[in-house]
Amino acid sequence: MQDFVRGLWKENPVFVQVLGMCPTLAVTTSLINGISMGLATTFVLVASGLVISSVRKLLPDQVRIASFMIIISSFVTVVKLLFEAHIPEISSQLGPYLPLIVTNCIILGRQEAFASKQPVGRSLLDALGMGIGFALALVVLGGVRELLYQGTIGGFQVFGTWYKSMVIMVMPAGAFISLSLLVALFQRISGRK
């Protein structure tokens, strides 16, 4: 269970390791976008981790990273096609960041650092922990940005008509401000300096 819990809190990909910043900052303008990207990334991380851990002894060192990229891109293609077929509006909101999951350093980094060296069971727990930790960070960031921009969370009105929209929250500056405050809060709660 330590492999699973590590990704949720102690080594959270966003709040501790500061990995995957491109999708973290770009798509978290709403809670639903954060959930969607988090689930897509978690699926790719888990599925590719299972395959890589299963075939790790069969891959020659010379083509290891290239093989990882092919495996990862196969699962990203599945996710992209599923999103386009079943939830096209979210697919268009995520735009180019959905296929760019292939280059997400969380995924390739975990495959190189963990899945390629560990048995399937441990790789599954590690991938689930890192994926869920990443997804939770995107959900929190997306929820905060949506709340401060529109006064809603998940499309449900939280603030009344009195609330004045904070337009900066859908801009890159709002993403950086929100993320920096959340990282500081996370570090404070964790007791880190």
N, C-alpha and C. Protein backbone atom coordinates (compact mmCIF):
# COMPACT_ATOMS: atom_id res chain seq x y z
N MET A 1 0.82 -1.21 0.00
CA MET A 1 0.00 0.00 0.00
C MET A 1 0.86 1.26 0.00
N GLN A 2 2.10 1.13 0.45
CA GLN A 2 2.98 2.29 0.47
C GLN A 2 3.22 2.81 -0.95
N ASP A 3 3.28 1.91 -1.92
CA ASP A 3 3.44 2.32 -3.32
C ASP A 3 2.25 3.15 -3.78
N PHE A 4 1.06 2.80 -3.32
CA PHE A 4 -0.16 3.51 -3.70
C PHE A 4 -0.24 4.88 -3.02
N VAL A 5 -0.05 4.90 -1.72
CA VAL A 5 -0.22 6.14 -0.94
C VAL A 5 0.82 7.19 -1.28
N ARG A 6 2.00 6.76 -1.67
CA ARG A 6 3.08 7.69 -1.99
C ARG A 6 2.65 8.71 -3.05
N GLY A 7 1.95 8.27 -4.08
CA GLY A 7 1.53 9.18 -5.16
C GLY A 7 0.40 10.11 -4.76
N LEU A 8 -0.37 9.71 -3.77
CA LEU A 8 -1.47 10.56 -3.33
C LEU A 8 -0.99 11.77 -2.55
N TRP A 9 -0.01 11.58 -1.69
CA TRP A 9 0.38 12.67 -0.81
C TRP A 9 1.87 12.94 -0.79
N LYS A 10 2.66 11.98 -0.34
CA LYS A 10 4.09 12.20 -0.10
C LYS A 10 4.85 12.62 -1.36
N GLU A 11 4.51 12.02 -2.51
CA GLU A 11 5.17 12.36 -3.77
C GLU A 11 4.14 12.77 -4.82
N ASN A 12 3.14 13.54 -4.41
CA ASN A 12 2.10 13.96 -5.35
C ASN A 12 2.75 14.60 -6.58
N PRO A 13 2.36 14.13 -7.78
CA PRO A 13 3.01 14.62 -8.99
C PRO A 13 2.93 16.14 -9.20
N VAL A 14 1.84 16.75 -8.79
CA VAL A 14 1.66 18.19 -9.01
C VAL A 14 2.14 19.01 -7.83
N PHE A 15 1.67 18.71 -6.64
CA PHE A 15 1.94 19.55 -5.48
C PHE A 15 3.31 19.34 -4.85
N VAL A 16 3.96 18.20 -5.11
CA VAL A 16 5.28 17.95 -4.54
C VAL A 16 6.35 17.91 -5.63
N GLN A 17 6.14 17.07 -6.65
CA GLN A 17 7.15 16.92 -7.69
C GLN A 17 7.06 17.99 -8.78
N VAL A 18 5.96 18.70 -8.85
CA VAL A 18 5.71 19.74 -9.83
C VAL A 18 5.96 19.21 -11.25
N LEU A 19 5.31 18.08 -11.55
CA LEU A 19 5.39 17.46 -12.87
C LEU A 19 4.07 17.64 -13.60
N GLY A 20 4.11 17.53 -14.91
CA GLY A 20 2.89 17.60 -15.71
C GLY A 20 2.26 18.98 -15.70
N MET A 21 3.08 20.01 -15.69
CA MET A 21 2.55 21.37 -15.57
C MET A 21 1.78 21.84 -16.80
N CYS A 22 2.11 21.35 -17.98
CA CYS A 22 1.42 21.80 -19.19
C CYS A 22 -0.08 21.52 -19.11
N PRO A 23 -0.52 20.26 -18.92
CA PRO A 23 -1.96 20.04 -18.80
C PRO A 23 -2.53 20.60 -17.50
N THR A 24 -1.72 20.60 -16.45
CA THR A 24 -2.21 21.12 -15.17
C THR A 24 -2.63 22.57 -15.29
N LEU A 25 -1.83 23.37 -15.92
CA LEU A 25 -2.13 24.80 -16.04
C LEU A 25 -3.09 25.10 -17.19
N ALA A 26 -3.04 24.31 -18.26
CA ALA A 26 -3.80 24.65 -19.46
C ALA A 26 -5.27 24.23 -19.40
N VAL A 27 -5.57 23.07 -18.86
CA VAL A 27 -6.94 22.56 -18.99
C VAL A 27 -7.79 22.71 -17.73
N THR A 28 -7.22 23.16 -16.65
CA THR A 28 -7.97 23.20 -15.39
C THR A 28 -8.79 24.48 -15.22
N THR A 29 -9.47 24.89 -16.26
CA THR A 29 -10.32 26.07 -16.14
C THR A 29 -11.67 25.72 -15.52
N SER A 30 -11.95 24.42 -15.40
CA SER A 30 -13.20 24.00 -14.76
C SER A 30 -13.00 22.65 -14.09
N LEU A 31 -13.90 22.32 -13.21
CA LEU A 31 -13.85 21.06 -12.49
C LEU A 31 -13.95 19.89 -13.46
N ILE A 32 -14.88 19.95 -14.41
CA ILE A 32 -15.08 18.84 -15.34
C ILE A 32 -13.85 18.61 -16.22
N ASN A 33 -13.17 19.67 -16.60
CA ASN A 33 -11.93 19.51 -17.37
C ASN A 33 -10.85 18.83 -16.53
N GLY A 34 -10.76 19.22 -15.27
CA GLY A 34 -9.79 18.60 -14.37
C GLY A 34 -10.07 17.12 -14.17
N ILE A 35 -11.35 16.79 -13.98
CA ILE A 35 -11.73 15.38 -13.81
C ILE A 35 -11.41 14.60 -15.08
N SER A 36 -11.76 15.15 -16.23
CA SER A 36 -11.56 14.46 -17.51
C SER A 36 -10.09 14.20 -17.79
N MET A 37 -9.27 15.22 -17.66
CA MET A 37 -7.84 15.05 -17.92
C MET A 37 -7.21 14.12 -16.88
N GLY A 38 -7.64 14.25 -15.63
CA GLY A 38 -7.12 13.38 -14.58
C GLY A 38 -7.45 11.92 -14.82
N LEU A 39 -8.68 11.63 -15.22
CA LEU A 39 -9.07 10.25 -15.51
C LEU A 39 -8.35 9.70 -16.74
N ALA A 40 -8.23 10.53 -17.77
CA ALA A 40 -7.53 10.09 -18.98
C ALA A 40 -6.07 9.77 -18.67
N THR A 41 -5.42 10.63 -17.93
CA THR A 41 -4.01 10.42 -17.58
C THR A 41 -3.85 9.20 -16.68
N THR A 42 -4.75 9.03 -15.74
CA THR A 42 -4.69 7.87 -14.84
C THR A 42 -4.85 6.57 -15.63
N PHE A 43 -5.80 6.55 -16.57
CA PHE A 43 -5.98 5.36 -17.39
C PHE A 43 -4.70 5.02 -18.15
N VAL A 44 -4.12 6.01 -18.80
CA VAL A 44 -2.90 5.78 -19.59
C VAL A 44 -1.75 5.34 -18.68
N LEU A 45 -1.63 5.97 -17.53
CA LEU A 45 -0.56 5.63 -16.59
C LEU A 45 -0.69 4.18 -16.11
N VAL A 46 -1.90 3.78 -15.73
CA VAL A 46 -2.13 2.43 -15.22
C VAL A 46 -1.97 1.39 -16.33
N ALA A 47 -2.62 1.61 -17.47
CA ALA A 47 -2.58 0.63 -18.55
C ALA A 47 -1.16 0.45 -19.08
N SER A 48 -0.46 1.55 -19.33
CA SER A 48 0.91 1.43 -19.85
C SER A 48 1.84 0.86 -18.79
N GLY A 49 1.61 1.19 -17.53
CA GLY A 49 2.43 0.62 -16.45
C GLY A 49 2.28 -0.88 -16.36
N LEU A 50 1.06 -1.37 -16.51
CA LEU A 50 0.84 -2.82 -16.48
C LEU A 50 1.54 -3.52 -17.64
N VAL A 51 1.42 -2.95 -18.83
CA VAL A 51 2.05 -3.57 -20.00
C VAL A 51 3.57 -3.51 -19.87
N ILE A 52 4.11 -2.37 -19.50
CA ILE A 52 5.57 -2.23 -19.41
C ILE A 52 6.14 -3.13 -18.32
N SER A 53 5.46 -3.22 -17.19
CA SER A 53 5.92 -4.10 -16.13
C SER A 53 5.87 -5.56 -16.57
N SER A 54 4.88 -5.90 -17.38
CA SER A 54 4.73 -7.28 -17.86
C SER A 54 5.81 -7.67 -18.86
N VAL A 55 6.23 -6.73 -19.70
CA VAL A 55 7.20 -7.05 -20.76
C VAL A 55 8.61 -6.51 -20.46
N ARG A 56 8.84 -6.04 -19.26
CA ARG A 56 10.09 -5.36 -18.92
C ARG A 56 11.34 -6.19 -19.18
N LYS A 57 11.25 -7.48 -18.98
CA LYS A 57 12.43 -8.33 -19.18
C LYS A 57 12.63 -8.70 -20.65
N LEU A 58 11.64 -8.42 -21.48
CA LEU A 58 11.74 -8.74 -22.90
C LEU A 58 12.32 -7.59 -23.73
N LEU A 59 12.34 -6.37 -23.17
CA LEU A 59 12.76 -5.19 -23.92
C LEU A 59 14.27 -4.98 -23.80
N PRO A 60 14.97 -4.94 -24.93
CA PRO A 60 16.42 -4.64 -24.87
C PRO A 60 16.64 -3.18 -24.44
N ASP A 61 17.71 -2.94 -23.76
CA ASP A 61 18.01 -1.59 -23.25
C ASP A 61 18.07 -0.54 -24.36
N GLN A 62 18.51 -0.92 -25.55
CA GLN A 62 18.69 0.03 -26.64
C GLN A 62 17.36 0.62 -27.12
N VAL A 63 16.27 -0.10 -26.96
CA VAL A 63 14.97 0.38 -27.46
C VAL A 63 13.94 0.52 -26.34
N ARG A 64 14.40 0.55 -25.12
CA ARG A 64 13.50 0.60 -23.97
C ARG A 64 12.61 1.84 -24.00
N ILE A 65 13.18 3.02 -24.09
CA ILE A 65 12.41 4.27 -24.06
C ILE A 65 11.50 4.36 -25.29
N ALA A 66 11.99 3.99 -26.45
CA ALA A 66 11.16 4.01 -27.65
C ALA A 66 9.98 3.05 -27.50
N SER A 67 10.23 1.90 -26.91
CA SER A 67 9.15 0.94 -26.67
C SER A 67 8.12 1.51 -25.70
N PHE A 68 8.60 2.18 -24.66
CA PHE A 68 7.69 2.82 -23.71
C PHE A 68 6.79 3.82 -24.43
N MET A 69 7.38 4.62 -25.29
CA MET A 69 6.61 5.65 -26.00
C MET A 69 5.54 5.03 -26.91
N ILE A 70 5.87 3.92 -27.55
CA ILE A 70 4.88 3.25 -28.41
C ILE A 70 3.74 2.69 -27.58
N ILE A 71 4.06 2.08 -26.46
CA ILE A 71 3.02 1.53 -25.57
C ILE A 71 2.15 2.66 -25.04
N ILE A 72 2.77 3.72 -24.56
CA ILE A 72 2.01 4.86 -24.02
C ILE A 72 1.15 5.50 -25.10
N SER A 73 1.71 5.71 -26.28
CA SER A 73 0.94 6.37 -27.35
C SER A 73 -0.24 5.51 -27.80
N SER A 74 -0.12 4.19 -27.71
CA SER A 74 -1.24 3.32 -28.05
C SER A 74 -2.42 3.57 -27.12
N PHE A 75 -2.15 3.68 -25.83
CA PHE A 75 -3.24 3.92 -24.87
C PHE A 75 -3.78 5.35 -24.97
N VAL A 76 -2.92 6.29 -25.29
CA VAL A 76 -3.39 7.67 -25.50
C VAL A 76 -4.33 7.73 -26.70
N THR A 77 -4.01 6.99 -27.75
CA THR A 77 -4.88 6.94 -28.93
C THR A 77 -6.25 6.37 -28.57
N VAL A 78 -6.26 5.33 -27.75
CA VAL A 78 -7.54 4.75 -27.29
C VAL A 78 -8.35 5.80 -26.54
N VAL A 79 -7.70 6.50 -25.61
CA VAL A 79 -8.40 7.53 -24.83
C VAL A 79 -8.92 8.64 -25.73
N LYS A 80 -8.09 9.11 -26.64
CA LYS A 80 -8.50 10.19 -27.54
C LYS A 80 -9.71 9.79 -28.38
N LEU A 81 -9.69 8.58 -28.93
CA LEU A 81 -10.81 8.12 -29.75
C LEU A 81 -12.08 7.94 -28.92
N LEU A 82 -11.94 7.43 -27.70
CA LEU A 82 -13.11 7.29 -26.82
C LEU A 82 -13.71 8.65 -26.46
N PHE A 83 -12.85 9.62 -26.16
CA PHE A 83 -13.33 10.96 -25.84
C PHE A 83 -14.05 11.57 -27.05
N GLU A 84 -13.44 11.46 -28.23
CA GLU A 84 -14.05 12.03 -29.44
C GLU A 84 -15.39 11.38 -29.76
N ALA A 85 -15.51 10.08 -29.52
CA ALA A 85 -16.74 9.35 -29.85
C ALA A 85 -17.85 9.57 -28.83
N HIS A 86 -17.50 9.62 -27.55
CA HIS A 86 -18.52 9.62 -26.51
C HIS A 86 -18.72 10.96 -25.80
N ILE A 87 -17.69 11.76 -25.71
CA ILE A 87 -17.82 13.07 -25.06
C ILE A 87 -17.07 14.11 -25.89
N PRO A 88 -17.58 14.40 -27.09
CA PRO A 88 -16.86 15.31 -28.00
C PRO A 88 -16.70 16.73 -27.46
N GLU A 89 -17.66 17.21 -26.65
CA GLU A 89 -17.53 18.57 -26.13
C GLU A 89 -16.35 18.68 -25.17
N ILE A 90 -16.13 17.68 -24.36
CA ILE A 90 -14.97 17.70 -23.45
C ILE A 90 -13.69 17.48 -24.25
N SER A 91 -13.75 16.62 -25.25
CA SER A 91 -12.59 16.40 -26.11
C SER A 91 -12.14 17.70 -26.76
N SER A 92 -13.09 18.50 -27.22
CA SER A 92 -12.72 19.78 -27.85
C SER A 92 -12.22 20.79 -26.81
N GLN A 93 -12.73 20.73 -25.58
CA GLN A 93 -12.24 21.63 -24.53
C GLN A 93 -10.81 21.29 -24.13
N LEU A 94 -10.49 20.00 -24.11
CA LEU A 94 -9.13 19.59 -23.75
C LEU A 94 -8.15 19.82 -24.90
N GLY A 95 -8.70 19.90 -26.11
CA GLY A 95 -7.91 20.25 -27.29
C GLY A 95 -6.68 19.39 -27.48
N PRO A 96 -5.56 20.02 -27.78
CA PRO A 96 -4.33 19.27 -28.08
C PRO A 96 -3.71 18.63 -26.83
N TYR A 97 -4.20 18.98 -25.65
CA TYR A 97 -3.58 18.46 -24.43
C TYR A 97 -3.93 17.00 -24.18
N LEU A 98 -5.01 16.53 -24.77
CA LEU A 98 -5.35 15.12 -24.63
C LEU A 98 -4.33 14.23 -25.34
N PRO A 99 -4.03 14.47 -26.64
CA PRO A 99 -2.99 13.64 -27.26
C PRO A 99 -1.59 13.89 -26.69
N LEU A 100 -1.38 15.03 -26.07
CA LEU A 100 -0.06 15.32 -25.49
C LEU A 100 0.20 14.55 -24.20
N ILE A 101 -0.77 13.75 -23.76
CA ILE A 101 -0.53 12.88 -22.61
C ILE A 101 0.68 11.99 -22.89
N VAL A 102 0.91 11.69 -24.17
CA VAL A 102 2.06 10.86 -24.56
C VAL A 102 3.35 11.42 -24.01
N THR A 103 3.48 12.73 -24.03
CA THR A 103 4.74 13.35 -23.60
C THR A 103 4.74 13.79 -22.14
N ASN A 104 3.68 13.47 -21.42
CA ASN A 104 3.59 13.87 -20.01
C ASN A 104 4.72 13.18 -19.23
N CYS A 105 5.53 13.98 -18.57
CA CYS A 105 6.69 13.45 -17.87
C CYS A 105 6.31 12.55 -16.69
N ILE A 106 5.10 12.70 -16.17
CA ILE A 106 4.67 11.81 -15.09
C ILE A 106 4.62 10.38 -15.61
N ILE A 107 4.03 10.21 -16.78
CA ILE A 107 3.84 8.87 -17.32
C ILE A 107 5.17 8.23 -17.70
N LEU A 108 5.95 8.89 -18.53
CA LEU A 108 7.22 8.31 -18.94
C LEU A 108 8.16 8.15 -17.75
N GLY A 109 8.15 9.11 -16.85
CA GLY A 109 9.01 9.03 -15.66
C GLY A 109 8.66 7.85 -14.77
N ARG A 110 7.37 7.61 -14.55
CA ARG A 110 6.97 6.48 -13.71
C ARG A 110 7.27 5.15 -14.39
N GLN A 111 7.15 5.11 -15.72
CA GLN A 111 7.44 3.86 -16.42
C GLN A 111 8.93 3.55 -16.33
N GLU A 112 9.76 4.58 -16.49
CA GLU A 112 11.21 4.37 -16.42
C GLU A 112 11.67 4.10 -14.98
N ALA A 113 11.15 4.87 -14.03
CA ALA A 113 11.63 4.76 -12.66
C ALA A 113 11.03 3.59 -11.89
N PHE A 114 9.82 3.18 -12.24
CA PHE A 114 9.16 2.17 -11.41
C PHE A 114 8.70 0.94 -12.19
N ALA A 115 7.82 1.12 -13.18
CA ALA A 115 7.21 -0.03 -13.86
C ALA A 115 8.24 -0.92 -14.55
N SER A 116 9.29 -0.32 -15.09
CA SER A 116 10.30 -1.12 -15.80
C SER A 116 11.21 -1.90 -14.85
N LYS A 117 11.05 -1.67 -13.55
CA LYS A 117 11.92 -2.33 -12.58
C LYS A 117 11.16 -3.17 -11.56
N GLN A 118 9.84 -3.08 -11.54
CA GLN A 118 9.04 -3.73 -10.50
C GLN A 118 8.05 -4.73 -11.09
N PRO A 119 7.58 -5.67 -10.27
CA PRO A 119 6.56 -6.61 -10.74
C PRO A 119 5.22 -5.91 -10.98
N VAL A 120 4.32 -6.60 -11.65
CA VAL A 120 3.05 -6.04 -12.08
C VAL A 120 2.23 -5.48 -10.91
N GLY A 121 2.13 -6.21 -9.81
CA GLY A 121 1.31 -5.76 -8.68
C GLY A 121 1.77 -4.43 -8.11
N ARG A 122 3.06 -4.30 -7.88
CA ARG A 122 3.59 -3.05 -7.35
C ARG A 122 3.45 -1.92 -8.36
N SER A 123 3.64 -2.24 -9.65
CA SER A 123 3.49 -1.22 -10.70
C SER A 123 2.06 -0.71 -10.77
N LEU A 124 1.11 -1.62 -10.61
CA LEU A 124 -0.30 -1.23 -10.61
C LEU A 124 -0.59 -0.26 -9.46
N LEU A 125 -0.14 -0.59 -8.27
CA LEU A 125 -0.39 0.28 -7.12
C LEU A 125 0.29 1.63 -7.27
N ASP A 126 1.53 1.63 -7.77
CA ASP A 126 2.24 2.89 -7.98
C ASP A 126 1.52 3.75 -9.02
N ALA A 127 1.13 3.14 -10.14
CA ALA A 127 0.45 3.89 -11.20
C ALA A 127 -0.89 4.43 -10.72
N LEU A 128 -1.63 3.62 -9.98
CA LEU A 128 -2.92 4.10 -9.44
C LEU A 128 -2.71 5.27 -8.49
N GLY A 129 -1.73 5.15 -7.60
CA GLY A 129 -1.47 6.23 -6.65
C GLY A 129 -1.05 7.51 -7.33
N MET A 130 -0.12 7.41 -8.26
CA MET A 130 0.34 8.61 -8.98
C MET A 130 -0.78 9.20 -9.84
N GLY A 131 -1.53 8.33 -10.51
CA GLY A 131 -2.63 8.79 -11.36
C GLY A 131 -3.73 9.47 -10.56
N ILE A 132 -4.13 8.85 -9.47
CA ILE A 132 -5.17 9.45 -8.64
C ILE A 132 -4.67 10.72 -7.98
N GLY A 133 -3.40 10.73 -7.55
CA GLY A 133 -2.82 11.96 -6.99
C GLY A 133 -2.83 13.10 -8.00
N PHE A 134 -2.47 12.78 -9.25
CA PHE A 134 -2.49 13.77 -10.32
C PHE A 134 -3.92 14.25 -10.57
N ALA A 135 -4.85 13.29 -10.65
CA ALA A 135 -6.26 13.63 -10.90
C ALA A 135 -6.83 14.50 -9.78
N LEU A 136 -6.52 14.17 -8.54
CA LEU A 136 -7.02 14.98 -7.42
C LEU A 136 -6.47 16.41 -7.48
N ALA A 137 -5.22 16.55 -7.84
CA ALA A 137 -4.64 17.89 -7.97
C ALA A 137 -5.35 18.68 -9.07
N LEU A 138 -5.63 18.03 -10.21
CA LEU A 138 -6.34 18.71 -11.30
C LEU A 138 -7.77 19.07 -10.89
N VAL A 139 -8.41 18.19 -10.15
CA VAL A 139 -9.78 18.45 -9.69
C VAL A 139 -9.81 19.64 -8.74
N VAL A 140 -8.88 19.66 -7.81
CA VAL A 140 -8.84 20.78 -6.85
C VAL A 140 -8.55 22.09 -7.58
N LEU A 141 -7.55 22.08 -8.45
CA LEU A 141 -7.19 23.29 -9.18
C LEU A 141 -8.33 23.74 -10.10
N GLY A 142 -8.92 22.80 -10.82
CA GLY A 142 -10.05 23.12 -11.70
C GLY A 142 -11.24 23.65 -10.92
N GLY A 143 -11.51 23.05 -9.77
CA GLY A 143 -12.63 23.52 -8.93
C GLY A 143 -12.41 24.92 -8.40
N VAL A 144 -11.19 25.20 -7.94
CA VAL A 144 -10.87 26.53 -7.42
C VAL A 144 -10.98 27.58 -8.52
N ARG A 145 -10.42 27.27 -9.68
CA ARG A 145 -10.46 28.24 -10.78
C ARG A 145 -11.89 28.48 -11.26
N GLU A 146 -12.68 27.43 -11.37
CA GLU A 146 -14.07 27.59 -11.80
C GLU A 146 -14.87 28.39 -10.77
N LEU A 147 -14.65 28.08 -9.50
CA LEU A 147 -15.37 28.80 -8.44
C LEU A 147 -15.04 30.29 -8.47
N LEU A 148 -13.77 30.62 -8.58
CA LEU A 148 -13.39 32.02 -8.57
C LEU A 148 -13.73 32.75 -9.87
N TYR A 149 -13.81 32.00 -10.97
CA TYR A 149 -14.17 32.64 -12.24
C TYR A 149 -15.68 32.79 -12.39
N GLN A 150 -16.42 31.71 -12.24
CA GLN A 150 -17.85 31.74 -12.51
C GLN A 150 -18.74 31.71 -11.28
N GLY A 151 -18.14 31.41 -10.12
CA GLY A 151 -18.95 31.27 -8.92
C GLY A 151 -19.68 29.93 -8.87
N THR A 152 -19.21 28.97 -9.69
CA THR A 152 -19.84 27.64 -9.74
C THR A 152 -18.79 26.57 -9.47
N ILE A 153 -19.28 25.39 -9.12
CA ILE A 153 -18.42 24.21 -9.03
C ILE A 153 -19.17 23.09 -9.75
N GLY A 154 -18.56 22.58 -10.79
CA GLY A 154 -19.21 21.54 -11.58
C GLY A 154 -20.47 22.03 -12.27
N GLY A 155 -20.56 23.32 -12.51
CA GLY A 155 -21.72 23.90 -13.17
C GLY A 155 -22.83 24.29 -12.21
N PHE A 156 -22.71 23.96 -10.94
CA PHE A 156 -23.72 24.31 -9.94
C PHE A 156 -23.36 25.63 -9.26
N GLN A 157 -24.30 26.54 -9.22
CA GLN A 157 -24.08 27.87 -8.66
C GLN A 157 -23.79 27.78 -7.17
N VAL A 158 -22.65 28.35 -6.75
CA VAL A 158 -22.26 28.38 -5.35
C VAL A 158 -22.45 29.79 -4.79
N PHE A 159 -21.96 30.77 -5.54
CA PHE A 159 -22.11 32.16 -5.13
C PHE A 159 -23.36 32.73 -5.79
N GLY A 160 -23.97 33.69 -5.16
CA GLY A 160 -25.18 34.29 -5.70
C GLY A 160 -24.90 35.26 -6.84
N THR A 161 -25.93 35.98 -7.22
CA THR A 161 -25.82 36.93 -8.33
C THR A 161 -24.93 38.12 -7.96
N TRP A 162 -24.67 38.30 -6.69
CA TRP A 162 -23.81 39.37 -6.23
C TRP A 162 -22.35 39.16 -6.63
N TYR A 163 -21.99 37.93 -6.95
CA TYR A 163 -20.58 37.61 -7.20
C TYR A 163 -20.11 38.20 -8.52
N LYS A 164 -18.98 38.91 -8.47
CA LYS A 164 -18.33 39.47 -9.66
C LYS A 164 -17.25 38.49 -10.12
N SER A 165 -17.34 38.10 -11.36
CA SER A 165 -16.42 37.12 -11.94
C SER A 165 -14.98 37.61 -11.90
N MET A 166 -14.06 36.71 -11.56
CA MET A 166 -12.62 37.00 -11.58
C MET A 166 -12.07 36.44 -12.90
N VAL A 167 -12.10 37.25 -13.94
CA VAL A 167 -11.73 36.83 -15.28
C VAL A 167 -10.31 36.27 -15.34
N ILE A 168 -9.45 36.74 -14.49
CA ILE A 168 -8.05 36.29 -14.50
C ILE A 168 -7.94 34.78 -14.28
N MET A 169 -8.95 34.18 -13.66
CA MET A 169 -8.88 32.75 -13.35
C MET A 169 -8.93 31.84 -14.57
N VAL A 170 -9.41 32.31 -15.72
CA VAL A 170 -9.39 31.48 -16.92
C VAL A 170 -8.17 31.79 -17.79
N MET A 171 -7.35 32.71 -17.33
CA MET A 171 -6.14 33.08 -18.05
C MET A 171 -4.93 32.37 -17.45
N PRO A 172 -3.83 32.31 -18.18
CA PRO A 172 -2.63 31.65 -17.65
C PRO A 172 -2.18 32.21 -16.30
N ALA A 173 -2.31 33.50 -16.11
CA ALA A 173 -1.89 34.09 -14.83
C ALA A 173 -2.71 33.52 -13.68
N GLY A 174 -4.00 33.33 -13.90
CA GLY A 174 -4.87 32.76 -12.87
C GLY A 174 -4.47 31.33 -12.54
N ALA A 175 -4.05 30.58 -13.56
CA ALA A 175 -3.60 29.21 -13.34
C ALA A 175 -2.35 29.20 -12.47
N PHE A 176 -1.39 30.09 -12.78
CA PHE A 176 -0.15 30.15 -12.00
C PHE A 176 -0.42 30.61 -10.57
N ILE A 177 -1.26 31.61 -10.41
CA ILE A 177 -1.57 32.10 -9.06
C ILE A 177 -2.25 31.02 -8.24
N SER A 178 -3.26 30.38 -8.83
CA SER A 178 -4.00 29.33 -8.12
C SER A 178 -3.08 28.17 -7.76
N LEU A 179 -2.28 27.73 -8.71
CA LEU A 179 -1.39 26.60 -8.46
C LEU A 179 -0.37 26.94 -7.38
N SER A 180 0.20 28.12 -7.44
CA SER A 180 1.21 28.47 -6.44
C SER A 180 0.62 28.53 -5.04
N LEU A 181 -0.59 29.06 -4.91
CA LEU A 181 -1.24 29.10 -3.60
C LEU A 181 -1.60 27.70 -3.11
N LEU A 182 -2.05 26.83 -4.02
CA LEU A 182 -2.37 25.46 -3.63
C LEU A 182 -1.12 24.66 -3.25
N VAL A 183 -0.01 24.87 -3.98
CA VAL A 183 1.25 24.20 -3.62
C VAL A 183 1.70 24.66 -2.24
N ALA A 184 1.61 25.96 -1.98
CA ALA A 184 1.99 26.48 -0.67
C ALA A 184 1.12 25.90 0.43
N LEU A 185 -0.18 25.82 0.19
CA LEU A 185 -1.11 25.24 1.17
C LEU A 185 -0.78 23.76 1.39
N PHE A 186 -0.53 23.03 0.32
CA PHE A 186 -0.19 21.62 0.42
C PHE A 186 1.08 21.44 1.24
N GLN A 187 2.08 22.26 0.96
CA GLN A 187 3.34 22.17 1.70
C GLN A 187 3.14 22.51 3.18
N ARG A 188 2.29 23.48 3.44
CA ARG A 188 2.02 23.88 4.82
C ARG A 188 1.32 22.75 5.59
N ILE A 189 0.32 22.15 4.94
CA ILE A 189 -0.41 21.04 5.57
C ILE A 189 0.53 19.86 5.80
N SER A 190 1.44 19.63 4.87
CA SER A 190 2.38 18.51 4.98
C SER A 190 3.48 18.77 5.99
N GLY A 191 3.60 20.01 6.44
CA GLY A 191 4.64 20.34 7.41
C GLY A 191 5.99 20.57 6.78
N ARG A 192 6.01 20.76 5.45
CA ARG A 192 7.27 21.03 4.77
C ARG A 192 7.52 22.53 4.74
N LYS A 193 8.79 22.89 4.62
CA LYS A 193 9.13 24.31 4.55
C LYS A 193 9.67 24.64 3.19
